[in-house]
Amino acid sequence: MTIRDLCEHDLQSYLCCLEEWSDQMKEAGPHKANWFARMRAKGLGVKIAAEAEHAVGMIQYLPIEHAGSRAAACTSSLAFGCTATEARV
């Protein structure tokens, strides 16, 4: 398994939460794209976990001040959200 920065190769899969096979997630893609653009401007970072060049997980992180009320009480400087999916090849 490798961990890499989100790149153009993984973007569509990321926008479908790594479930590009799901019609529901495909429909949600434009909403996530808008969210991604807004949050990226606030410092959102994304790492992709890959096996054999296929994305199987992601880590999203951003400055704590943009992480929402649940994270506001944290003392660390970053908030994390992780997703893993079953590899579908």
Foldseek 3Di string as FASTA:
>chain_A
DDKAWDDPVCLQCVLLVVPVVDPVSNVSSVVSVVVCVVVVVQPKTKMFDDDPNRGFKMKIKGAQVPPDDVSVPPDDGMDIDMDGHDDDD
